[in-house]
Amino acid sequence: MSGGAFDYGDYKLTSIADSIIELIASNPTRECKHSQYTIEIFRKVAALCQVTFNAVHAVDRRECDGISDERLEETWRECEAKLRALVGEK
């Protein structure tokens, strides 16, 4: 079984996002708590990891599974819209 174009490396992005979410969840019990602004940055970075995973995974599927150019472009448009929302662009 193949690990795809990136030898399963794209899944590291979801692992990183999960770790950041765990940091957010543990914040109330930490001795040195992060500020709300820092937590908001953490949330955005976790979301960015997930969006980046979706984009990279689409490239992987285009290369290995043969999804269509149209499906890749559709996924990219979805990812691009989510990225713009994360940084507050319209």
N, C-alpha and C. Protein backbone atom coordinates (compact mmCIF):
# COMPACT_ATOMS: atom_id res chain seq x y z
N MET A 1 0.84 -1.17 0.00
CA MET A 1 0.00 0.00 0.00
C MET A 1 0.88 1.23 0.00
N SER A 2 0.54 2.17 -0.83
CA SER A 2 1.33 3.39 -0.99
C SER A 2 0.93 4.43 0.06
N GLY A 3 1.89 5.22 0.45
CA GLY A 3 1.63 6.33 1.34
C GLY A 3 1.30 7.60 0.58
N GLY A 4 1.04 7.46 -0.70
CA GLY A 4 0.71 8.61 -1.52
C GLY A 4 1.94 9.39 -1.92
N ALA A 5 1.70 10.50 -2.55
CA ALA A 5 2.80 11.33 -3.06
C ALA A 5 3.70 11.85 -1.94
N PHE A 6 3.15 11.93 -0.73
CA PHE A 6 3.91 12.50 0.38
C PHE A 6 4.19 11.48 1.47
N ASP A 7 4.05 10.19 1.14
CA ASP A 7 4.34 9.10 2.06
C ASP A 7 3.67 9.32 3.43
N TYR A 8 2.40 9.66 3.39
CA TYR A 8 1.58 9.93 4.57
C TYR A 8 2.00 11.18 5.35
N GLY A 9 2.95 11.93 4.86
CA GLY A 9 3.42 13.13 5.57
C GLY A 9 2.35 14.18 5.75
N ASP A 10 1.37 14.21 4.83
CA ASP A 10 0.31 15.21 4.95
C ASP A 10 -0.49 15.03 6.24
N TYR A 11 -0.56 13.81 6.76
CA TYR A 11 -1.31 13.56 7.99
C TYR A 11 -0.64 14.16 9.22
N LYS A 12 0.62 14.53 9.12
CA LYS A 12 1.29 15.20 10.24
C LYS A 12 0.61 16.53 10.55
N LEU A 13 0.05 17.15 9.53
CA LEU A 13 -0.65 18.42 9.74
C LEU A 13 -1.85 18.25 10.67
N THR A 14 -2.59 17.17 10.51
CA THR A 14 -3.74 16.94 11.39
C THR A 14 -3.28 16.61 12.81
N SER A 15 -2.16 15.92 12.92
CA SER A 15 -1.61 15.62 14.25
C SER A 15 -1.19 16.90 14.96
N ILE A 16 -0.58 17.81 14.22
CA ILE A 16 -0.19 19.10 14.80
C ILE A 16 -1.44 19.87 15.24
N ALA A 17 -2.45 19.89 14.39
CA ALA A 17 -3.70 20.59 14.74
C ALA A 17 -4.30 20.00 16.00
N ASP A 18 -4.32 18.67 16.10
CA ASP A 18 -4.85 18.02 17.30
C ASP A 18 -4.04 18.39 18.55
N SER A 19 -2.73 18.48 18.42
CA SER A 19 -1.88 18.86 19.55
C SER A 19 -2.17 20.29 20.00
N ILE A 20 -2.39 21.17 19.05
CA ILE A 20 -2.71 22.56 19.39
C ILE A 20 -4.05 22.62 20.10
N ILE A 21 -5.03 21.86 19.62
CA ILE A 21 -6.34 21.82 20.27
C ILE A 21 -6.21 21.29 21.70
N GLU A 22 -5.34 20.33 21.91
CA GLU A 22 -5.10 19.83 23.27
C GLU A 22 -4.49 20.92 24.15
N LEU A 23 -3.58 21.72 23.59
CA LEU A 23 -3.01 22.85 24.35
C LEU A 23 -4.11 23.82 24.76
N ILE A 24 -5.02 24.10 23.85
CA ILE A 24 -6.13 25.00 24.15
C ILE A 24 -6.99 24.42 25.27
N ALA A 25 -7.30 23.14 25.16
CA ALA A 25 -8.15 22.49 26.17
C ALA A 25 -7.50 22.46 27.54
N SER A 26 -6.18 22.34 27.57
CA SER A 26 -5.48 22.26 28.86
C SER A 26 -5.21 23.63 29.48
N ASN A 27 -5.48 24.68 28.75
CA ASN A 27 -5.14 26.02 29.24
C ASN A 27 -5.74 26.35 30.61
N PRO A 28 -7.01 26.02 30.88
CA PRO A 28 -7.58 26.37 32.19
C PRO A 28 -6.86 25.73 33.37
N THR A 29 -6.20 24.61 33.16
CA THR A 29 -5.55 23.91 34.27
C THR A 29 -4.05 24.18 34.34
N ARG A 30 -3.55 24.98 33.43
CA ARG A 30 -2.11 25.28 33.43
C ARG A 30 -1.75 26.26 34.55
N GLU A 31 -0.57 26.11 35.08
CA GLU A 31 -0.10 27.05 36.10
C GLU A 31 0.09 28.44 35.48
N CYS A 32 0.67 28.46 34.32
CA CYS A 32 0.88 29.72 33.59
C CYS A 32 -0.05 29.71 32.37
N LYS A 33 -1.22 30.30 32.54
CA LYS A 33 -2.24 30.27 31.49
C LYS A 33 -1.90 31.23 30.35
N HIS A 34 -2.34 30.84 29.15
CA HIS A 34 -2.19 31.70 27.98
C HIS A 34 -3.33 32.72 27.96
N SER A 35 -3.06 33.88 27.40
CA SER A 35 -4.10 34.90 27.27
C SER A 35 -5.15 34.47 26.25
N GLN A 36 -6.31 35.11 26.29
CA GLN A 36 -7.36 34.82 25.31
C GLN A 36 -6.88 35.11 23.90
N TYR A 37 -6.08 36.15 23.73
CA TYR A 37 -5.54 36.46 22.40
C TYR A 37 -4.64 35.33 21.91
N THR A 38 -3.80 34.82 22.79
CA THR A 38 -2.93 33.70 22.42
C THR A 38 -3.76 32.47 22.07
N ILE A 39 -4.81 32.21 22.84
CA ILE A 39 -5.69 31.07 22.55
C ILE A 39 -6.35 31.25 21.18
N GLU A 40 -6.75 32.46 20.86
CA GLU A 40 -7.35 32.72 19.55
C GLU A 40 -6.34 32.46 18.43
N ILE A 41 -5.11 32.86 18.64
CA ILE A 41 -4.05 32.56 17.65
C ILE A 41 -3.89 31.05 17.52
N PHE A 42 -3.86 30.34 18.65
CA PHE A 42 -3.75 28.88 18.62
C PHE A 42 -4.90 28.28 17.79
N ARG A 43 -6.12 28.77 18.02
CA ARG A 43 -7.28 28.26 17.27
C ARG A 43 -7.10 28.47 15.77
N LYS A 44 -6.64 29.65 15.41
CA LYS A 44 -6.44 29.95 13.99
C LYS A 44 -5.34 29.10 13.38
N VAL A 45 -4.28 28.88 14.12
CA VAL A 45 -3.19 28.05 13.61
C VAL A 45 -3.66 26.59 13.45
N ALA A 46 -4.44 26.09 14.39
CA ALA A 46 -4.99 24.73 14.26
C ALA A 46 -5.87 24.64 13.02
N ALA A 47 -6.70 25.65 12.80
CA ALA A 47 -7.56 25.67 11.62
C ALA A 47 -6.73 25.76 10.35
N LEU A 48 -5.68 26.55 10.40
CA LEU A 48 -4.78 26.68 9.24
C LEU A 48 -4.14 25.34 8.90
N CYS A 49 -3.73 24.60 9.92
CA CYS A 49 -3.16 23.26 9.69
C CYS A 49 -4.18 22.36 8.99
N GLN A 50 -5.42 22.42 9.42
CA GLN A 50 -6.45 21.57 8.83
C GLN A 50 -6.72 21.96 7.38
N VAL A 51 -6.81 23.26 7.11
CA VAL A 51 -7.04 23.72 5.74
C VAL A 51 -5.85 23.35 4.86
N THR A 52 -4.65 23.50 5.39
CA THR A 52 -3.45 23.14 4.62
C THR A 52 -3.46 21.64 4.34
N PHE A 53 -3.84 20.84 5.33
CA PHE A 53 -3.96 19.40 5.09
C PHE A 53 -4.92 19.11 3.95
N ASN A 54 -6.08 19.76 3.96
CA ASN A 54 -7.07 19.50 2.90
C ASN A 54 -6.50 19.82 1.53
N ALA A 55 -5.77 20.93 1.42
CA ALA A 55 -5.17 21.31 0.14
C ALA A 55 -4.08 20.32 -0.28
N VAL A 56 -3.19 19.98 0.64
CA VAL A 56 -2.10 19.05 0.33
C VAL A 56 -2.66 17.67 -0.01
N HIS A 57 -3.67 17.25 0.73
CA HIS A 57 -4.27 15.95 0.48
C HIS A 57 -4.92 15.90 -0.91
N ALA A 58 -5.50 17.01 -1.34
CA ALA A 58 -6.09 17.07 -2.68
C ALA A 58 -5.00 16.91 -3.75
N VAL A 59 -3.85 17.53 -3.53
CA VAL A 59 -2.73 17.36 -4.47
C VAL A 59 -2.31 15.89 -4.48
N ASP A 60 -2.21 15.29 -3.31
CA ASP A 60 -1.85 13.88 -3.21
C ASP A 60 -2.85 13.02 -3.99
N ARG A 61 -4.13 13.28 -3.79
CA ARG A 61 -5.15 12.50 -4.48
C ARG A 61 -5.11 12.73 -5.99
N ARG A 62 -4.77 13.93 -6.41
CA ARG A 62 -4.65 14.21 -7.84
C ARG A 62 -3.51 13.39 -8.43
N GLU A 63 -2.42 13.32 -7.72
CA GLU A 63 -1.25 12.59 -8.20
C GLU A 63 -1.43 11.08 -8.14
N CYS A 64 -2.04 10.58 -7.08
CA CYS A 64 -2.06 9.13 -6.86
C CYS A 64 -3.40 8.46 -7.18
N ASP A 65 -4.50 9.15 -6.91
CA ASP A 65 -5.81 8.54 -7.11
C ASP A 65 -6.46 8.98 -8.41
N GLY A 66 -5.90 10.01 -9.01
CA GLY A 66 -6.43 10.47 -10.27
C GLY A 66 -7.71 11.26 -10.19
N ILE A 67 -7.91 12.00 -9.06
CA ILE A 67 -9.10 12.86 -9.06
C ILE A 67 -8.92 13.87 -10.19
N SER A 68 -10.02 14.41 -10.64
CA SER A 68 -9.99 15.31 -11.79
C SER A 68 -9.40 16.67 -11.42
N ASP A 69 -8.95 17.36 -12.45
CA ASP A 69 -8.49 18.74 -12.25
C ASP A 69 -9.61 19.58 -11.67
N GLU A 70 -10.82 19.32 -12.11
CA GLU A 70 -11.97 20.10 -11.63
C GLU A 70 -12.17 19.89 -10.13
N ARG A 71 -12.03 18.66 -9.67
CA ARG A 71 -12.19 18.38 -8.23
C ARG A 71 -11.06 19.03 -7.43
N LEU A 72 -9.84 18.97 -7.96
CA LEU A 72 -8.72 19.64 -7.30
C LEU A 72 -8.99 21.14 -7.20
N GLU A 73 -9.45 21.73 -8.30
CA GLU A 73 -9.74 23.17 -8.30
C GLU A 73 -10.86 23.52 -7.34
N GLU A 74 -11.88 22.68 -7.26
CA GLU A 74 -12.98 22.90 -6.33
C GLU A 74 -12.48 22.86 -4.89
N THR A 75 -11.64 21.88 -4.59
CA THR A 75 -11.07 21.78 -3.24
C THR A 75 -10.22 23.01 -2.94
N TRP A 76 -9.43 23.45 -3.91
CA TRP A 76 -8.60 24.62 -3.69
C TRP A 76 -9.45 25.86 -3.41
N ARG A 77 -10.53 26.03 -4.18
CA ARG A 77 -11.40 27.20 -3.94
C ARG A 77 -11.98 27.15 -2.52
N GLU A 78 -12.37 25.95 -2.07
CA GLU A 78 -12.88 25.81 -0.70
C GLU A 78 -11.81 26.18 0.32
N CYS A 79 -10.60 25.68 0.09
CA CYS A 79 -9.50 25.97 1.01
C CYS A 79 -9.15 27.46 1.00
N GLU A 80 -9.12 28.03 -0.18
CA GLU A 80 -8.80 29.45 -0.30
C GLU A 80 -9.81 30.31 0.45
N ALA A 81 -11.10 29.97 0.33
CA ALA A 81 -12.14 30.71 1.04
C ALA A 81 -11.95 30.60 2.56
N LYS A 82 -11.60 29.41 3.03
CA LYS A 82 -11.37 29.22 4.47
C LYS A 82 -10.14 30.00 4.93
N LEU A 83 -9.10 30.01 4.10
CA LEU A 83 -7.90 30.79 4.45
C LEU A 83 -8.22 32.28 4.54
N ARG A 84 -8.98 32.76 3.59
CA ARG A 84 -9.37 34.19 3.61
C ARG A 84 -10.19 34.50 4.87
N ALA A 85 -11.08 33.60 5.24
CA ALA A 85 -11.87 33.82 6.45
C ALA A 85 -10.99 33.84 7.70
N LEU A 86 -9.96 33.00 7.72
CA LEU A 86 -9.07 32.97 8.88
C LEU A 86 -8.31 34.27 9.06
N VAL A 87 -7.95 34.91 7.95
CA VAL A 87 -7.19 36.16 8.06
C VAL A 87 -8.09 37.39 7.93
N GLY A 88 -9.40 37.16 7.82
CA GLY A 88 -10.33 38.28 7.80
C GLY A 88 -10.49 38.97 6.47
N GLU A 89 -10.11 38.31 5.38
CA GLU A 89 -10.30 38.88 4.04
C GLU A 89 -11.65 38.43 3.49
N LYS A 90 -12.14 39.21 2.53
CA LYS A 90 -13.39 38.83 1.85
C LYS A 90 -13.13 38.45 0.44
